[in-house]
PDB file of N, CA and C in Angstrom:
ATOM      1  N   MET A   1     -17.925   9.734   3.383  1.00  0.00           N
ATOM      2  CA  MET A   1     -16.608   9.154   4.037  1.00  0.00           C
ATOM      3  C   MET A   1     -17.076   8.083   4.925  1.00  0.00           C
ATOM      4  N   VAL A   2     -16.129   7.191   5.025  1.00  0.00           N
ATOM      5  CA  VAL A   2     -16.141   6.082   6.345  1.00  0.00           C
ATOM      6  C   VAL A   2     -15.768   6.861   7.375  1.00  0.00           C
ATOM      7  N   GLU A   3     -16.737   6.571   8.478  1.00  0.00           N
ATOM      8  CA  GLU A   3     -16.672   6.875   9.884  1.00  0.00           C
ATOM      9  C   GLU A   3     -15.112   6.812  10.691  1.00  0.00           C
ATOM     10  N   GLN A   4     -14.788   8.018  11.187  1.00  0.00           N
ATOM     11  CA  GLN A   4     -13.622   7.900  11.475  1.00  0.00           C
ATOM     12  C   GLN A   4     -12.998   7.231  12.825  1.00  0.00           C
ATOM     13  N   ARG A   5     -11.994   6.444  12.768  1.00  0.00           N
ATOM     14  CA  ARG A   5     -11.858   5.491  13.818  1.00  0.00           C
ATOM     15  C   ARG A   5     -11.630   6.256  15.190  1.00  0.00           C
ATOM     16  N   LYS A   6     -11.938   6.165  16.388  1.00  0.00           N
ATOM     17  CA  LYS A   6     -11.505   6.472  17.529  1.00  0.00           C
ATOM     18  C   LYS A   6     -10.037   7.210  17.567  1.00  0.00           C
ATOM     19  N   GLU A   7      -9.120   5.809  16.901  1.00  0.00           N
ATOM     20  CA  GLU A   7      -7.408   6.211  17.089  1.00  0.00           C
ATOM     21  C   GLU A   7      -7.164   7.251  16.560  1.00  0.00           C
ATOM     22  N   LEU A   8      -8.243   7.944  15.502  1.00  0.00           N
ATOM     23  CA  LEU A   8      -7.542   9.260  14.717  1.00  0.00           C
ATOM     24  C   LEU A   8      -8.331  10.512  15.516  1.00  0.00           C
ATOM     25  N   ALA A   9      -9.565   9.876  16.105  1.00  0.00           N
ATOM     26  CA  ALA A   9     -10.543  11.264  16.136  1.00  0.00           C
ATOM     27  C   ALA A   9      -9.384  11.773  17.637  1.00  0.00           C
ATOM     28  N   ASP A  10      -8.669  10.774  18.414  1.00  0.00           N
ATOM     29  CA  ASP A  10      -8.098  11.022  19.416  1.00  0.00           C
ATOM     30  C   ASP A  10      -6.896  12.200  19.255  1.00  0.00           C
ATOM     31  N   ASN A  11      -6.649  11.771  18.057  1.00  0.00           N
ATOM     32  CA  ASN A  11      -4.788  12.917  17.529  1.00  0.00           C
ATOM     33  C   ASN A  11      -5.209  13.869  16.997  1.00  0.00           C
ATOM     34  N   PRO A  12      -5.217  15.092  17.921  1.00  0.00           N
ATOM     35  CA  PRO A  12      -5.905  16.286  16.950  1.00  0.00           C
ATOM     36  C   PRO A  12      -4.875  16.199  15.528  1.00  0.00           C
ATOM     37  N   ALA A  13      -3.175  16.304  15.093  1.00  0.00           N
ATOM     38  CA  ALA A  13      -3.330  16.357  13.954  1.00  0.00           C
ATOM     39  C   ALA A  13      -3.781  15.662  12.980  1.00  0.00           C
ATOM     40  N   MET A  14      -3.908  14.317  13.167  1.00  0.00           N
ATOM     41  CA  MET A  14      -4.437  13.725  12.507  1.00  0.00           C
ATOM     42  C   MET A  14      -5.785  13.671  11.977  1.00  0.00           C
ATOM     43  N   ALA A  15      -6.702  13.948  13.104  1.00  0.00           N
ATOM     44  CA  ALA A  15      -7.899  14.318  12.436  1.00  0.00           C
ATOM     45  C   ALA A  15      -7.790  15.555  11.843  1.00  0.00           C
ATOM     46  N   ALA A  16      -7.135  16.385  12.188  1.00  0.00           N
ATOM     47  CA  ALA A  16      -6.728  17.977  11.252  1.00  0.00           C
ATOM     48  C   ALA A  16      -6.798  17.376   9.678  1.00  0.00           C
ATOM     49  N   LEU A  17      -6.295  16.390   9.622  1.00  0.00           N
ATOM     50  CA  LEU A  17      -5.562  15.557   8.456  1.00  0.00           C
ATOM     51  C   LEU A  17      -6.495  15.006   7.752  1.00  0.00           C
ATOM     52  N   ALA A  18      -7.388  14.751   8.000  1.00  0.00           N
ATOM     53  CA  ALA A  18      -8.111  13.367   7.836  1.00  0.00           C
ATOM     54  C   ALA A  18      -9.598  14.381   6.219  1.00  0.00           C
ATOM     55  N   PRO A  19      -9.899  15.227   6.994  1.00  0.00           N
ATOM     56  CA  PRO A  19     -10.321  15.932   5.589  1.00  0.00           C
ATOM     57  C   PRO A  19      -9.782  16.503   4.473  1.00  0.00           C
ATOM     58  N   GLU A  20      -8.717  16.382   4.976  1.00  0.00           N
ATOM     59  CA  GLU A  20      -7.552  16.886   3.683  1.00  0.00           C
ATOM     60  C   GLU A  20      -7.463  15.821   2.846  1.00  0.00           C
ATOM     61  N   ILE A  21      -7.226  14.818   3.455  1.00  0.00           N
ATOM     62  CA  ILE A  21      -7.010  13.575   2.772  1.00  0.00           C
ATOM     63  C   ILE A  21      -8.490  13.133   2.504  1.00  0.00           C
ATOM     64  N   ALA A  22      -9.223  13.201   2.517  1.00  0.00           N
ATOM     65  CA  ALA A  22     -10.845  12.868   2.030  1.00  0.00           C
ATOM     66  C   ALA A  22     -10.857  13.179   0.813  1.00  0.00           C
ATOM     67  N   LYS A  23     -10.136  14.516   0.106  1.00  0.00           N
ATOM     68  CA  LYS A  23     -10.473  15.428  -0.721  1.00  0.00           C
ATOM     69  C   LYS A  23      -9.707  14.398  -1.979  1.00  0.00           C
ATOM     70  N   LEU A  24      -8.709  14.130  -1.648  1.00  0.00           N
ATOM     71  CA  LEU A  24      -7.704  13.402  -2.644  1.00  0.00           C
ATOM     72  C   LEU A  24      -8.669  12.392  -3.349  1.00  0.00           C
ATOM     73  N   SER A  25      -7.651  12.232  -4.862  1.00  0.00           N
ATOM     74  CA  SER A  25      -8.498  11.089  -5.802  1.00  0.00           C
ATOM     75  C   SER A  25      -7.784   9.687  -4.617  1.00  0.00           C
ATOM     76  N   LEU A  26      -8.610   8.851  -5.339  1.00  0.00           N
ATOM     77  CA  LEU A  26      -7.873   7.416  -5.105  1.00  0.00           C
ATOM     78  C   LEU A  26      -6.367   7.384  -5.471  1.00  0.00           C
ATOM     79  N   ALA A  27      -6.567   7.531  -6.795  1.00  0.00           N
ATOM     80  CA  ALA A  27      -4.880   7.195  -7.000  1.00  0.00           C
ATOM     81  C   ALA A  27      -3.842   8.004  -6.302  1.00  0.00           C
ATOM     82  N   GLU A  28      -4.420   9.236  -5.646  1.00  0.00           N
ATOM     83  CA  GLU A  28      -3.179  10.048  -4.700  1.00  0.00           C
ATOM     84  C   GLU A  28      -3.479   9.968  -3.494  1.00  0.00           C
ATOM     85  N   ARG A  29      -4.545   9.161  -2.831  1.00  0.00           N
ATOM     86  CA  ARG A  29      -4.887   8.541  -1.724  1.00  0.00           C
ATOM     87  C   ARG A  29      -3.485   7.233  -1.297  1.00  0.00           C
ATOM     88  N   ILE A  30      -3.716   6.497  -2.769  1.00  0.00           N
ATOM     89  CA  ILE A  30      -2.746   5.301  -2.706  1.00  0.00           C
ATOM     90  C   ILE A  30      -1.502   5.350  -2.815  1.00  0.00           C
ATOM     91  N   GLN A  31      -0.823   6.759  -3.503  1.00  0.00           N
ATOM     92  CA  GLN A  31       0.272   7.430  -3.335  1.00  0.00           C
ATOM     93  C   GLN A  31       0.397   7.716  -1.995  1.00  0.00           C
ATOM     94  N   LEU A  32      -0.390   8.201  -1.099  1.00  0.00           N
ATOM     95  CA  LEU A  32      -0.171   8.833  -0.058  1.00  0.00           C
ATOM     96  C   LEU A  32       0.362   7.360   0.906  1.00  0.00           C
ATOM     97  N   VAL A  33      -0.452   6.770   0.759  1.00  0.00           N
ATOM     98  CA  VAL A  33      -0.064   4.969   1.493  1.00  0.00           C
ATOM     99  C   VAL A  33       1.409   4.640   1.176  1.00  0.00           C
ATOM    100  N   GLU A  34       1.612   4.208   0.300  1.00  0.00           N
ATOM    101  CA  GLU A  34       2.886   3.813  -0.429  1.00  0.00           C
ATOM    102  C   GLU A  34       4.341   4.576   0.344  1.00  0.00           C
ATOM    103  N   ASP A  35       3.604   5.894   0.139  1.00  0.00           N
ATOM    104  CA  ASP A  35       4.918   7.163   0.557  1.00  0.00           C
ATOM    105  C   ASP A  35       5.354   6.968   2.404  1.00  0.00           C
ATOM    106  N   LEU A  36       4.044   6.557   3.140  1.00  0.00           N
ATOM    107  CA  LEU A  36       3.981   6.359   4.287  1.00  0.00           C
ATOM    108  C   LEU A  36       4.377   5.162   4.254  1.00  0.00           C
ATOM    109  N   TRP A  37       4.020   4.446   3.581  1.00  0.00           N
ATOM    110  CA  TRP A  37       5.037   2.846   3.681  1.00  0.00           C
ATOM    111  C   TRP A  37       6.131   2.863   3.638  1.00  0.00           C
ATOM    112  N   ASP A  38       6.558   3.337   2.724  1.00  0.00           N
ATOM    113  CA  ASP A  38       7.983   3.864   2.269  1.00  0.00           C
ATOM    114  C   ASP A  38       8.820   4.449   3.409  1.00  0.00           C
ATOM    115  N   SER A  39       8.472   5.629   3.844  1.00  0.00           N
ATOM    116  CA  SER A  39       8.872   6.103   5.284  1.00  0.00           C
ATOM    117  C   SER A  39       8.947   5.326   6.430  1.00  0.00           C
ATOM    118  N   ILE A  40       7.844   4.211   6.561  1.00  0.00           N
ATOM    119  CA  ILE A  40       7.776   3.681   8.157  1.00  0.00           C
ATOM    120  C   ILE A  40       8.645   2.151   7.865  1.00  0.00           C
ATOM    121  N   ALA A  41       9.161   1.949   6.404  1.00  0.00           N
ATOM    122  CA  ALA A  41       9.933   1.071   6.133  1.00  0.00           C
ATOM    123  C   ALA A  41      11.550   1.536   6.600  1.00  0.00           C
ATOM    124  N   GLN A  42      11.659   2.612   5.916  1.00  0.00           N
ATOM    125  CA  GLN A  42      13.247   3.304   5.917  1.00  0.00           C
ATOM    126  C   GLN A  42      13.347   3.522   7.311  1.00  0.00           C
ATOM    127  N   ASP A  43      12.680   4.146   8.293  1.00  0.00           N
ATOM    128  CA  ASP A  43      12.419   4.451   9.803  1.00  0.00           C
ATOM    129  C   ASP A  43      12.926   3.242  10.609  1.00  0.00           C
ATOM    130  N   SER A  44      11.587   2.240  10.538  1.00  0.00           N
ATOM    131  CA  SER A  44      11.933   1.086  11.203  1.00  0.00           C
ATOM    132  C   SER A  44      11.820  -0.013  10.594  1.00  0.00           C
ATOM    133  N   PRO A  45      12.872  -0.805  10.130  1.00  0.00           N
ATOM    134  CA  PRO A  45      13.127  -1.612   8.918  1.00  0.00           C
ATOM    135  C   PRO A  45      12.504  -2.894   9.757  1.00  0.00           C
ATOM    136  N   GLU A  46      12.239  -3.240  10.814  1.00  0.00           N
ATOM    137  CA  GLU A  46      11.551  -4.392  11.651  1.00  0.00           C
ATOM    138  C   GLU A  46      10.324  -4.697  11.615  1.00  0.00           C
ATOM    139  N   ALA A  47       9.728  -3.124  10.949  1.00  0.00           N
ATOM    140  CA  ALA A  47       8.354  -3.002  11.350  1.00  0.00           C
ATOM    141  C   ALA A  47       7.675  -3.745   9.709  1.00  0.00           C
ATOM    142  N   ALA A  48       8.977  -3.309   9.118  1.00  0.00           N
ATOM    143  CA  ALA A  48       8.268  -4.098   7.216  1.00  0.00           C
ATOM    144  C   ALA A  48       8.812  -5.686   7.362  1.00  0.00           C
ATOM    145  N   SER A  49       9.357  -6.273   8.551  1.00  0.00           N
ATOM    146  CA  SER A  49       9.971  -7.487   8.307  1.00  0.00           C
ATOM    147  C   SER A  49       9.034  -8.658   7.820  1.00  0.00           C
ATOM    148  N   LEU A  50       9.191  -9.500   7.319  1.00  0.00           N
ATOM    149  CA  LEU A  50       7.845 -10.352   7.406  1.00  0.00           C
ATOM    150  C   LEU A  50       7.771 -11.480   7.978  1.00  0.00           C
ATOM    151  N   ASP A  51       6.822 -12.489   8.626  1.00  0.00           N
ATOM    152  CA  ASP A  51       6.972 -13.630   9.304  1.00  0.00           C
ATOM    153  C   ASP A  51       7.217 -15.016   8.632  1.00  0.00           C
ATOM    154  N   GLN A  52       7.597 -15.731   8.482  1.00  0.00           N
ATOM    155  CA  GLN A  52       7.828 -17.104   8.188  1.00  0.00           C
ATOM    156  C   GLN A  52       6.551 -17.467   7.051  1.00  0.00           C
ATOM    157  N   ALA A  53       5.242 -17.325   7.672  1.00  0.00           N
ATOM    158  CA  ALA A  53       4.126 -17.683   6.540  1.00  0.00           C
ATOM    159  C   ALA A  53       4.330 -16.859   5.121  1.00  0.00           C
ATOM    160  N   GLN A  54       4.535 -15.243   5.296  1.00  0.00           N
ATOM    161  CA  GLN A  54       4.762 -14.212   4.499  1.00  0.00           C
ATOM    162  C   GLN A  54       5.850 -14.876   3.712  1.00  0.00           C
ATOM    163  N   VAL A  55       7.339 -15.117   3.984  1.00  0.00           N
ATOM    164  CA  VAL A  55       8.268 -15.407   3.490  1.00  0.00           C
ATOM    165  C   VAL A  55       8.073 -16.918   2.677  1.00  0.00           C
ATOM    166  N   ASP A  56       7.169 -18.011   2.947  1.00  0.00           N
ATOM    167  CA  ASP A  56       6.924 -18.510   2.266  1.00  0.00           C
ATOM    168  C   ASP A  56       5.962 -18.705   1.038  1.00  0.00           C
ATOM    169  N   GLU A  57       4.896 -18.315   1.379  1.00  0.00           N
ATOM    170  CA  GLU A  57       4.250 -17.592   0.434  1.00  0.00           C
ATOM    171  C   GLU A  57       4.895 -16.801  -0.731  1.00  0.00           C
ATOM    172  N   LEU A  58       5.776 -15.670  -0.312  1.00  0.00           N
ATOM    173  CA  LEU A  58       6.931 -15.276  -1.675  1.00  0.00           C
ATOM    174  C   LEU A  58       7.431 -16.330  -2.239  1.00  0.00           C
ATOM    175  N   ASP A  59       8.340 -17.359  -1.612  1.00  0.00           N
ATOM    176  CA  ASP A  59       8.502 -18.146  -2.259  1.00  0.00           C
ATOM    177  C   ASP A  59       7.680 -19.032  -3.075  1.00  0.00           C
ATOM    178  N   ARG A  60       6.944 -19.337  -2.893  1.00  0.00           N
ATOM    179  CA  ARG A  60       5.534 -20.265  -3.477  1.00  0.00           C
ATOM    180  C   ARG A  60       5.346 -19.730  -4.722  1.00  0.00           C
ATOM    181  N   ARG A  61       4.984 -18.095  -5.075  1.00  0.00           N
ATOM    182  CA  ARG A  61       4.721 -17.208  -6.170  1.00  0.00           C
ATOM    183  C   ARG A  61       6.095 -17.217  -6.761  1.00  0.00           C
ATOM    184  N   LEU A  62       7.064 -17.368  -6.037  1.00  0.00           N
ATOM    185  CA  LEU A  62       8.309 -16.860  -7.222  1.00  0.00           C
ATOM    186  C   LEU A  62       8.705 -18.559  -8.099  1.00  0.00           C
ATOM    187  N   ARG A  63       8.605 -19.292  -7.125  1.00  0.00           N
ATOM    188  CA  ARG A  63       8.707 -20.777  -8.066  1.00  0.00           C
ATOM    189  C   ARG A  63       7.150 -20.810  -8.533  1.00  0.00           C
ATOM    190  N   GLN A  64       6.349 -20.129  -8.818  1.00  0.00           N
ATOM    191  CA  GLN A  64       5.011 -20.104  -9.753  1.00  0.00           C
ATOM    192  C   GLN A  64       5.592 -19.517 -10.912  1.00  0.00           C
ATOM    193  N   HIS A  65       5.728 -18.277 -10.546  1.00  0.00           N
ATOM    194  CA  HIS A  65       6.414 -17.399 -11.628  1.00  0.00           C
ATOM    195  C   HIS A  65       7.662 -18.284 -12.347  1.00  0.00           C
ATOM    196  N   ASP A  66       8.806 -18.461 -12.010  1.00  0.00           N
ATOM    197  CA  ASP A  66      10.096 -19.250 -12.746  1.00  0.00           C
ATOM    198  C   ASP A  66       9.312 -20.306 -13.487  1.00  0.00           C
ATOM    199  N   ALA A  67       8.109 -21.043 -13.109  1.00  0.00           N
ATOM    200  CA  ALA A  67       7.445 -22.018 -13.612  1.00  0.00           C
ATOM    201  C   ALA A  67       6.687 -21.271 -15.216  1.00  0.00           C
ATOM    202  N   ASP A  68       6.218 -20.052 -15.124  1.00  0.00           N
ATOM    203  CA  ASP A  68       5.715 -19.493 -16.476  1.00  0.00           C
ATOM    204  C   ASP A  68       5.745 -18.079 -16.348  1.00  0.00           C
ATOM    205  N   PRO A  69       6.899 -17.721 -16.861  1.00  0.00           N
ATOM    206  CA  PRO A  69       7.229 -16.282 -16.552  1.00  0.00           C
ATOM    207  C   PRO A  69       6.404 -15.366 -17.086  1.00  0.00           C
ATOM    208  N   SER A  70       5.490 -16.192 -18.296  1.00  0.00           N
ATOM    209  CA  SER A  70       4.794 -15.169 -19.220  1.00  0.00           C
ATOM    210  C   SER A  70       3.081 -14.964 -18.557  1.00  0.00           C
ATOM    211  N   SER A  71       3.458 -15.273 -17.512  1.00  0.00           N
ATOM    212  CA  SER A  71       1.727 -15.330 -17.045  1.00  0.00           C
ATOM    213  C   SER A  71       2.282 -13.658 -15.977  1.00  0.00           C
ATOM    214  N   ALA A  72       2.973 -13.328 -15.746  1.00  0.00           N
ATOM    215  CA  ALA A  72       3.334 -12.513 -15.364  1.00  0.00           C
ATOM    216  C   ALA A  72       3.064 -10.823 -16.031  1.00  0.00           C
ATOM    217  N   VAL A  73       2.528 -10.082 -15.012  1.00  0.00           N
ATOM    218  CA  VAL A  73       2.272  -8.452 -15.486  1.00  0.00           C
ATOM    219  C   VAL A  73       2.680  -7.294 -14.927  1.00  0.00           C
ATOM    220  N   PRO A  74       3.659  -6.701 -15.256  1.00  0.00           N
ATOM    221  CA  PRO A  74       4.644  -5.646 -14.697  1.00  0.00           C
ATOM    222  C   PRO A  74       4.053  -4.760 -14.065  1.00  0.00           C
ATOM    223  N   TRP A  75       4.677  -4.515 -13.003  1.00  0.00           N
ATOM    224  CA  TRP A  75       4.039  -3.903 -12.060  1.00  0.00           C
ATOM    225  C   TRP A  75       3.718  -2.401 -12.336  1.00  0.00           C
ATOM    226  N   GLU A  76       4.926  -1.810 -13.485  1.00  0.00           N
ATOM    227  CA  GLU A  76       4.602  -0.317 -13.834  1.00  0.00           C
ATOM    228  C   GLU A  76       3.207  -0.443 -14.615  1.00  0.00           C
ATOM    229  N   GLN A  77       2.370  -1.750 -15.200  1.00  0.00           N
ATOM    230  CA  GLN A  77       1.163  -2.081 -15.809  1.00  0.00           C
ATOM    231  C   GLN A  77       0.487  -2.132 -15.126  1.00  0.00           C
ATOM    232  N   VAL A  78       0.149  -2.608 -14.268  1.00  0.00           N
ATOM    233  CA  VAL A  78      -0.506  -2.865 -12.950  1.00  0.00           C
ATOM    234  C   VAL A  78      -1.228  -1.659 -12.281  1.00  0.00           C
ATOM    235  N   ARG A  79      -0.227  -0.672 -11.822  1.00  0.00           N
ATOM    236  CA  ARG A  79      -0.124   0.523 -11.244  1.00  0.00           C
ATOM    237  C   ARG A  79      -1.027   1.466 -12.303  1.00  0.00           C
ATOM    238  N   ALA A  80      -0.363   1.431 -13.435  1.00  0.00           N
ATOM    239  CA  ALA A  80      -1.314   2.835 -14.677  1.00  0.00           C
ATOM    240  C   ALA A  80      -2.142   2.253 -14.858  1.00  0.00           C
ATOM    241  N   GLU A  81      -2.943   0.941 -15.185  1.00  0.00           N
ATOM    242  CA  GLU A  81      -4.301   0.377 -14.972  1.00  0.00           C
ATOM    243  C   GLU A  81      -5.060   1.271 -14.085  1.00  0.00           C
ATOM    244  N   LEU A  82      -4.571   0.794 -12.701  1.00  0.00           N
ATOM    245  CA  LEU A  82      -5.143   0.875 -11.506  1.00  0.00           C
ATOM    246  C   LEU A  82      -5.375   2.542 -11.445  1.00  0.00           C
ATOM    247  N   PHE A  83      -4.224   3.523 -11.409  1.00  0.00           N
ATOM    248  CA  PHE A  83      -4.228   4.635 -11.394  1.00  0.00           C
ATOM    249  C   PHE A  83      -5.951   5.037 -12.435  1.00  0.00           C
ATOM    250  N   GLN A  84      -5.092   4.715 -13.709  1.00  0.00           N
ATOM    251  CA  GLN A  84      -6.046   5.453 -14.747  1.00  0.00           C
ATOM    252  C   GLN A  84      -7.775   4.834 -14.538  1.00  0.00           C
ATOM    253  N   SER A  85      -8.167   3.814 -13.944  1.00  0.00           N
ATOM    254  CA  SER A  85      -9.409   3.663 -13.731  1.00  0.00           C
ATOM    255  C   SER A  85      -9.932   4.134 -12.846  1.00  0.00           C
ATOM    256  N   LYS A  86      -9.436   4.239 -11.899  1.00  0.00           N
ATOM    257  CA  LYS A  86      -9.775   4.913 -10.822  1.00  0.00           C
ATOM    258  C   LYS A  86      -9.153   6.462  -9.993  1.00  0.00           C
ATOM    259  N   SER A  87      -8.995   7.062 -10.848  1.00  0.00           N
ATOM    260  CA  SER A  87      -8.890   8.267 -10.378  1.00  0.00           C
ATOM    261  C   SER A  87     -10.000   9.207 -11.087  1.00  0.00           C
TER     262      SER A  87
END
């Protein structure tokens, strides 16, 4: 396992969770991160806001997709392949 960050070691509750989190499969850890991010976005919408460079990049990608929609891969397919190959 990667060495724990100092901040994690300084927080007893988080330090206690670290060994249990390390036991999770990659797919389970990805799901945990998704769940944590969703809870952050729900509790503090401003924490999940985008800066102008991010907005510009998303706009660029949307224009690229609009120009060639057939190049897109559905999220469900990407996620299924990721979880299948890494679990």
